[in-house]
Amino acid sequence: MKDKKAVQIISRVFIDDLEKALRYNYDENITLDENNDTEATNTYLEKYINTNLKVSINKQPATLQFVGKEYDGDIVRFYVEVVDIQNVKSLEVSNEMLFAVCPDQQNIVKTKINSKQKSFILTTKNTSALLNFN
């Protein structure tokens, strides 16, 4: 059986900004705290990710799978992936995270696909980018 490949996405977000977004969208009492994580927190985070982060691979919408999160000081990293990917020829990313609560937010996206590194910045005026890896 051939090895199945995946696209892994790691996002780093300041805890206070993400808390503000989750409170704005879901529950005004939510607190992100590694010592007091709840199932509801993960549910809201996963829902927020799936609402605000969209990925298409080879012009096909991809299903993001929430893998988990970890805290590092004032930052939370969360991990999502797209599984069963054979060959990435194009990658489109739409990332509207934090835009509703931080209008000046800039989301930096860095990619490394087929040993090629590319990066771009997404803003409220430019929420998506398409990269080709031919």
N, C-alpha and C. Protein backbone atom coordinates (compact mmCIF):
# COMPACT_ATOMS: atom_id res chain seq x y z
N MET A 1 0.84 -1.18 0.00
CA MET A 1 0.00 0.00 0.00
C MET A 1 0.88 1.24 0.00
N LYS A 2 0.54 2.20 -0.85
CA LYS A 2 1.31 3.44 -0.94
C LYS A 2 1.14 4.27 0.32
N ASP A 3 2.19 5.02 0.65
CA ASP A 3 2.09 5.94 1.78
C ASP A 3 1.08 7.02 1.45
N LYS A 4 0.21 7.30 2.40
CA LYS A 4 -0.74 8.39 2.21
C LYS A 4 -0.10 9.66 2.73
N LYS A 5 -0.28 10.72 1.99
CA LYS A 5 0.31 11.99 2.36
C LYS A 5 -0.77 12.92 2.91
N ALA A 6 -0.32 13.89 3.67
CA ALA A 6 -1.24 14.86 4.26
C ALA A 6 -0.65 16.25 4.15
N VAL A 7 -1.53 17.22 4.13
CA VAL A 7 -1.13 18.61 4.26
C VAL A 7 -1.37 18.98 5.71
N GLN A 8 -0.32 19.42 6.38
CA GLN A 8 -0.42 19.79 7.79
C GLN A 8 -0.41 21.31 7.90
N ILE A 9 -1.29 21.82 8.73
CA ILE A 9 -1.40 23.25 8.93
C ILE A 9 -1.21 23.54 10.41
N ILE A 10 -0.28 24.42 10.68
CA ILE A 10 -0.02 24.85 12.06
C ILE A 10 -0.30 26.35 12.11
N SER A 11 -1.13 26.75 13.04
CA SER A 11 -1.44 28.17 13.17
C SER A 11 -1.04 28.64 14.56
N ARG A 12 -0.39 29.78 14.61
CA ARG A 12 0.02 30.38 15.88
C ARG A 12 -0.78 31.67 16.07
N VAL A 13 -1.48 31.74 17.20
CA VAL A 13 -2.36 32.88 17.46
C VAL A 13 -2.15 33.33 18.90
N PHE A 14 -2.15 34.64 19.12
CA PHE A 14 -2.09 35.14 20.49
C PHE A 14 -3.37 34.73 21.23
N ILE A 15 -3.19 34.21 22.42
CA ILE A 15 -4.32 33.68 23.20
C ILE A 15 -5.39 34.75 23.41
N ASP A 16 -4.99 35.97 23.77
CA ASP A 16 -6.00 37.00 24.06
C ASP A 16 -6.82 37.35 22.81
N ASP A 17 -6.19 37.37 21.64
CA ASP A 17 -6.93 37.65 20.41
C ASP A 17 -7.90 36.52 20.06
N LEU A 18 -7.44 35.28 20.21
CA LEU A 18 -8.31 34.14 19.91
C LEU A 18 -9.46 34.07 20.91
N GLU A 19 -9.18 34.35 22.16
CA GLU A 19 -10.24 34.40 23.17
C GLU A 19 -11.29 35.43 22.80
N LYS A 20 -10.83 36.59 22.37
CA LYS A 20 -11.75 37.66 21.97
C LYS A 20 -12.64 37.19 20.82
N ALA A 21 -12.06 36.50 19.85
CA ALA A 21 -12.84 36.01 18.70
C ALA A 21 -13.84 34.94 19.12
N LEU A 22 -13.41 34.02 19.98
CA LEU A 22 -14.32 32.97 20.44
C LEU A 22 -15.45 33.55 21.28
N ARG A 23 -15.14 34.54 22.10
CA ARG A 23 -16.17 35.20 22.91
C ARG A 23 -17.16 35.94 22.01
N TYR A 24 -16.65 36.61 21.01
CA TYR A 24 -17.49 37.36 20.08
C TYR A 24 -18.44 36.43 19.32
N ASN A 25 -17.95 35.27 18.93
CA ASN A 25 -18.73 34.36 18.09
C ASN A 25 -19.57 33.35 18.85
N TYR A 26 -19.13 32.92 20.03
CA TYR A 26 -19.78 31.77 20.65
C TYR A 26 -20.18 31.95 22.11
N ASP A 27 -19.25 32.31 22.96
CA ASP A 27 -19.52 32.29 24.40
C ASP A 27 -18.69 33.38 25.06
N GLU A 28 -19.36 34.41 25.58
CA GLU A 28 -18.62 35.54 26.14
C GLU A 28 -17.86 35.21 27.41
N ASN A 29 -18.06 34.02 27.96
CA ASN A 29 -17.35 33.61 29.18
C ASN A 29 -16.20 32.65 28.93
N ILE A 30 -15.91 32.36 27.67
CA ILE A 30 -14.87 31.38 27.37
C ILE A 30 -13.49 31.90 27.78
N THR A 31 -12.68 30.99 28.30
CA THR A 31 -11.31 31.31 28.68
C THR A 31 -10.39 30.23 28.12
N LEU A 32 -9.34 30.65 27.45
CA LEU A 32 -8.35 29.70 26.95
C LEU A 32 -7.26 29.56 28.01
N ASP A 33 -7.17 28.38 28.57
CA ASP A 33 -6.24 28.13 29.66
C ASP A 33 -5.88 26.66 29.64
N GLU A 34 -4.60 26.36 29.46
CA GLU A 34 -4.20 24.96 29.35
C GLU A 34 -4.49 24.17 30.61
N ASN A 35 -4.62 24.83 31.75
CA ASN A 35 -4.92 24.13 33.00
C ASN A 35 -6.41 23.95 33.22
N ASN A 36 -7.22 24.54 32.35
CA ASN A 36 -8.67 24.46 32.53
C ASN A 36 -9.37 24.33 31.18
N ASP A 37 -8.83 23.48 30.31
CA ASP A 37 -9.45 23.25 29.00
C ASP A 37 -10.73 22.44 29.16
N THR A 38 -11.72 22.79 28.36
CA THR A 38 -12.97 22.05 28.40
C THR A 38 -13.28 21.51 27.01
N GLU A 39 -14.19 20.57 26.96
CA GLU A 39 -14.63 20.04 25.67
C GLU A 39 -15.29 21.14 24.84
N ALA A 40 -16.01 22.03 25.53
CA ALA A 40 -16.67 23.14 24.83
C ALA A 40 -15.64 24.05 24.16
N THR A 41 -14.52 24.29 24.83
CA THR A 41 -13.46 25.11 24.25
C THR A 41 -12.97 24.51 22.95
N ASN A 42 -12.70 23.22 22.96
CA ASN A 42 -12.24 22.55 21.73
C ASN A 42 -13.31 22.57 20.65
N THR A 43 -14.56 22.39 21.04
CA THR A 43 -15.66 22.42 20.07
C THR A 43 -15.76 23.79 19.42
N TYR A 44 -15.71 24.84 20.23
CA TYR A 44 -15.77 26.20 19.69
C TYR A 44 -14.57 26.50 18.80
N LEU A 45 -13.40 26.08 19.24
CA LEU A 45 -12.19 26.32 18.45
C LEU A 45 -12.27 25.61 17.11
N GLU A 46 -12.68 24.36 17.12
CA GLU A 46 -12.80 23.61 15.87
C GLU A 46 -13.83 24.25 14.94
N LYS A 47 -14.95 24.69 15.50
CA LYS A 47 -15.98 25.35 14.70
C LYS A 47 -15.44 26.67 14.12
N TYR A 48 -14.71 27.41 14.94
CA TYR A 48 -14.14 28.68 14.49
C TYR A 48 -13.15 28.46 13.35
N ILE A 49 -12.30 27.47 13.49
CA ILE A 49 -11.33 27.14 12.45
C ILE A 49 -12.05 26.79 11.15
N ASN A 50 -13.03 25.90 11.24
CA ASN A 50 -13.73 25.45 10.03
C ASN A 50 -14.54 26.56 9.37
N THR A 51 -14.93 27.56 10.13
CA THR A 51 -15.67 28.70 9.58
C THR A 51 -14.74 29.70 8.92
N ASN A 52 -13.55 29.89 9.48
CA ASN A 52 -12.68 30.98 9.05
C ASN A 52 -11.45 30.57 8.25
N LEU A 53 -11.16 29.30 8.19
CA LEU A 53 -10.00 28.81 7.43
C LEU A 53 -10.49 27.82 6.38
N LYS A 54 -10.31 28.18 5.14
CA LYS A 54 -10.72 27.32 4.02
C LYS A 54 -9.50 27.01 3.16
N VAL A 55 -9.40 25.76 2.75
CA VAL A 55 -8.28 25.32 1.94
C VAL A 55 -8.81 24.54 0.75
N SER A 56 -8.26 24.83 -0.42
CA SER A 56 -8.55 24.04 -1.61
C SER A 56 -7.22 23.53 -2.15
N ILE A 57 -7.19 22.26 -2.49
CA ILE A 57 -5.99 21.65 -3.05
C ILE A 57 -6.33 21.15 -4.44
N ASN A 58 -5.55 21.58 -5.40
CA ASN A 58 -5.80 21.24 -6.81
C ASN A 58 -7.23 21.60 -7.21
N LYS A 59 -7.66 22.78 -6.75
CA LYS A 59 -8.98 23.36 -7.06
C LYS A 59 -10.14 22.59 -6.44
N GLN A 60 -9.87 21.70 -5.50
CA GLN A 60 -10.92 20.94 -4.81
C GLN A 60 -10.96 21.37 -3.35
N PRO A 61 -12.15 21.76 -2.85
CA PRO A 61 -12.25 22.12 -1.43
C PRO A 61 -11.79 20.96 -0.55
N ALA A 62 -11.01 21.27 0.45
CA ALA A 62 -10.45 20.25 1.33
C ALA A 62 -11.18 20.26 2.67
N THR A 63 -11.30 19.09 3.26
CA THR A 63 -11.88 18.96 4.59
C THR A 63 -10.76 19.01 5.62
N LEU A 64 -10.86 19.98 6.52
CA LEU A 64 -9.85 20.14 7.56
C LEU A 64 -10.20 19.27 8.76
N GLN A 65 -9.22 18.57 9.26
CA GLN A 65 -9.40 17.76 10.47
C GLN A 65 -8.61 18.40 11.60
N PHE A 66 -9.32 18.75 12.66
CA PHE A 66 -8.68 19.34 13.83
C PHE A 66 -7.90 18.25 14.54
N VAL A 67 -6.60 18.47 14.73
CA VAL A 67 -5.73 17.48 15.36
C VAL A 67 -5.53 17.79 16.84
N GLY A 68 -5.39 19.07 17.16
CA GLY A 68 -5.20 19.45 18.56
C GLY A 68 -4.60 20.82 18.68
N LYS A 69 -4.26 21.17 19.93
CA LYS A 69 -3.68 22.48 20.19
C LYS A 69 -2.70 22.36 21.34
N GLU A 70 -1.82 23.36 21.44
CA GLU A 70 -0.91 23.42 22.58
C GLU A 70 -0.62 24.88 22.89
N TYR A 71 -0.41 25.15 24.15
CA TYR A 71 -0.13 26.50 24.62
C TYR A 71 1.37 26.69 24.76
N ASP A 72 1.82 27.91 24.44
CA ASP A 72 3.23 28.26 24.58
C ASP A 72 3.30 29.73 24.99
N GLY A 73 3.33 29.97 26.29
CA GLY A 73 3.32 31.34 26.78
C GLY A 73 2.01 32.02 26.43
N ASP A 74 2.09 33.15 25.70
CA ASP A 74 0.88 33.88 25.33
C ASP A 74 0.36 33.50 23.95
N ILE A 75 0.85 32.37 23.44
CA ILE A 75 0.45 31.89 22.11
C ILE A 75 -0.20 30.51 22.23
N VAL A 76 -1.20 30.27 21.39
CA VAL A 76 -1.74 28.92 21.26
C VAL A 76 -1.46 28.47 19.83
N ARG A 77 -0.96 27.26 19.70
CA ARG A 77 -0.77 26.66 18.38
C ARG A 77 -1.88 25.63 18.20
N PHE A 78 -2.51 25.67 17.04
CA PHE A 78 -3.44 24.59 16.76
C PHE A 78 -3.05 23.93 15.45
N TYR A 79 -3.39 22.67 15.40
CA TYR A 79 -2.95 21.81 14.30
C TYR A 79 -4.17 21.24 13.59
N VAL A 80 -4.19 21.39 12.28
CA VAL A 80 -5.21 20.76 11.44
C VAL A 80 -4.50 20.11 10.27
N GLU A 81 -5.18 19.17 9.65
CA GLU A 81 -4.58 18.54 8.48
C GLU A 81 -5.63 18.13 7.48
N VAL A 82 -5.17 17.96 6.26
CA VAL A 82 -5.96 17.41 5.16
C VAL A 82 -5.27 16.11 4.79
N VAL A 83 -6.01 15.01 4.85
CA VAL A 83 -5.39 13.70 4.62
C VAL A 83 -5.66 13.20 3.21
N ASP A 84 -4.93 12.15 2.85
CA ASP A 84 -5.08 11.48 1.56
C ASP A 84 -4.81 12.40 0.37
N ILE A 85 -3.72 13.13 0.46
CA ILE A 85 -3.31 14.03 -0.63
C ILE A 85 -2.17 13.36 -1.37
N GLN A 86 -2.29 13.25 -2.66
CA GLN A 86 -1.26 12.57 -3.45
C GLN A 86 -0.23 13.53 -4.04
N ASN A 87 -0.70 14.61 -4.66
CA ASN A 87 0.22 15.51 -5.34
C ASN A 87 -0.38 16.91 -5.34
N VAL A 88 0.28 17.85 -4.71
CA VAL A 88 -0.23 19.21 -4.63
C VAL A 88 0.31 20.01 -5.81
N LYS A 89 -0.61 20.40 -6.69
CA LYS A 89 -0.25 21.25 -7.82
C LYS A 89 -0.62 22.70 -7.55
N SER A 90 -1.71 22.88 -6.78
CA SER A 90 -2.11 24.23 -6.40
C SER A 90 -2.71 24.19 -5.00
N LEU A 91 -2.55 25.30 -4.31
CA LEU A 91 -3.07 25.43 -2.95
C LEU A 91 -3.70 26.80 -2.83
N GLU A 92 -4.97 26.82 -2.46
CA GLU A 92 -5.65 28.08 -2.21
C GLU A 92 -6.02 28.12 -0.73
N VAL A 93 -5.67 29.21 -0.08
CA VAL A 93 -5.95 29.38 1.33
C VAL A 93 -6.76 30.65 1.51
N SER A 94 -7.86 30.53 2.24
CA SER A 94 -8.65 31.67 2.66
C SER A 94 -8.64 31.65 4.19
N ASN A 95 -8.15 32.73 4.78
CA ASN A 95 -8.01 32.77 6.23
C ASN A 95 -8.56 34.10 6.74
N GLU A 96 -9.74 34.04 7.37
CA GLU A 96 -10.39 35.24 7.90
C GLU A 96 -10.33 35.27 9.43
N MET A 97 -9.44 34.49 10.01
CA MET A 97 -9.34 34.45 11.46
C MET A 97 -9.00 35.82 12.03
N LEU A 98 -9.72 36.17 13.06
CA LEU A 98 -9.55 37.39 13.85
C LEU A 98 -9.99 38.66 13.14
N PHE A 99 -10.36 38.60 11.88
CA PHE A 99 -10.72 39.81 11.14
C PHE A 99 -11.91 40.53 11.76
N ALA A 100 -12.88 39.80 12.31
CA ALA A 100 -14.08 40.43 12.88
C ALA A 100 -13.77 41.20 14.16
N VAL A 101 -12.75 40.78 14.89
CA VAL A 101 -12.44 41.43 16.17
C VAL A 101 -11.16 42.26 16.12
N CYS A 102 -10.37 42.08 15.10
CA CYS A 102 -9.11 42.83 14.93
C CYS A 102 -9.03 43.28 13.47
N PRO A 103 -9.67 44.41 13.12
CA PRO A 103 -9.74 44.83 11.72
C PRO A 103 -8.39 45.02 11.03
N ASP A 104 -7.35 45.29 11.79
CA ASP A 104 -6.02 45.48 11.20
C ASP A 104 -5.20 44.20 11.17
N GLN A 105 -5.83 43.09 11.50
CA GLN A 105 -5.15 41.80 11.56
C GLN A 105 -4.51 41.45 10.22
N GLN A 106 -3.31 40.90 10.28
CA GLN A 106 -2.64 40.35 9.10
C GLN A 106 -2.32 38.89 9.40
N ASN A 107 -2.78 38.00 8.55
CA ASN A 107 -2.51 36.57 8.71
C ASN A 107 -1.40 36.18 7.74
N ILE A 108 -0.28 35.78 8.30
CA ILE A 108 0.88 35.39 7.50
C ILE A 108 0.79 33.89 7.24
N VAL A 109 0.89 33.52 5.99
CA VAL A 109 0.83 32.11 5.61
C VAL A 109 2.16 31.73 4.97
N LYS A 110 2.79 30.71 5.53
CA LYS A 110 4.05 30.20 4.98
C LYS A 110 3.81 28.76 4.55
N THR A 111 4.31 28.42 3.37
CA THR A 111 4.11 27.06 2.87
C THR A 111 5.45 26.45 2.48
N LYS A 112 5.49 25.15 2.57
CA LYS A 112 6.62 24.38 2.04
C LYS A 112 6.02 23.13 1.41
N ILE A 113 5.97 23.14 0.10
CA ILE A 113 5.38 22.04 -0.65
C ILE A 113 6.35 21.65 -1.74
N ASN A 114 6.61 20.37 -1.85
CA ASN A 114 7.56 19.86 -2.84
C ASN A 114 8.90 20.59 -2.75
N SER A 115 9.34 20.84 -1.54
CA SER A 115 10.61 21.53 -1.25
C SER A 115 10.63 22.99 -1.71
N LYS A 116 9.48 23.54 -2.08
CA LYS A 116 9.39 24.94 -2.48
C LYS A 116 8.71 25.73 -1.37
N GLN A 117 9.38 26.79 -0.92
CA GLN A 117 8.82 27.64 0.12
C GLN A 117 8.21 28.89 -0.49
N LYS A 118 7.00 29.21 -0.03
CA LYS A 118 6.33 30.43 -0.47
C LYS A 118 5.60 31.00 0.75
N SER A 119 5.39 32.32 0.73
CA SER A 119 4.64 32.93 1.81
C SER A 119 3.84 34.10 1.27
N PHE A 120 2.81 34.47 2.02
CA PHE A 120 1.98 35.60 1.65
C PHE A 120 1.26 36.10 2.89
N ILE A 121 0.73 37.32 2.79
CA ILE A 121 0.00 37.94 3.89
C ILE A 121 -1.44 38.15 3.47
N LEU A 122 -2.37 37.74 4.33
CA LEU A 122 -3.79 37.93 4.08
C LEU A 122 -4.31 39.01 5.02
N THR A 123 -5.18 39.87 4.49
CA THR A 123 -5.76 40.97 5.26
C THR A 123 -7.27 40.99 5.04
N THR A 124 -7.94 41.92 5.70
CA THR A 124 -9.39 42.03 5.52
C THR A 124 -9.75 42.38 4.08
N LYS A 125 -8.84 43.01 3.36
CA LYS A 125 -9.09 43.37 1.96
C LYS A 125 -8.66 42.29 0.99
N ASN A 126 -7.84 41.38 1.45
CA ASN A 126 -7.33 40.29 0.61
C ASN A 126 -7.28 39.02 1.47
N THR A 127 -8.39 38.29 1.51
CA THR A 127 -8.53 37.19 2.46
C THR A 127 -8.07 35.84 1.93
N SER A 128 -7.68 35.77 0.65
CA SER A 128 -7.26 34.47 0.12
C SER A 128 -6.12 34.64 -0.88
N ALA A 129 -5.42 33.54 -1.08
CA ALA A 129 -4.31 33.52 -2.04
C ALA A 129 -4.25 32.14 -2.69
N LEU A 130 -3.84 32.12 -3.94
CA LEU A 130 -3.70 30.88 -4.70
C LEU A 130 -2.23 30.73 -5.08
N LEU A 131 -1.67 29.58 -4.74
CA LEU A 131 -0.28 29.28 -5.07
C LEU A 131 -0.24 28.09 -6.01
N ASN A 132 0.61 28.17 -7.02
CA ASN A 132 0.79 27.05 -7.95
C ASN A 132 2.17 26.44 -7.73
N PHE A 133 2.23 25.12 -7.77
CA PHE A 133 3.47 24.39 -7.52
C PHE A 133 3.81 23.48 -8.70
N ASN A 134 3.66 23.97 -9.90
CA ASN A 134 3.95 23.16 -11.09
C ASN A 134 5.43 23.08 -11.35
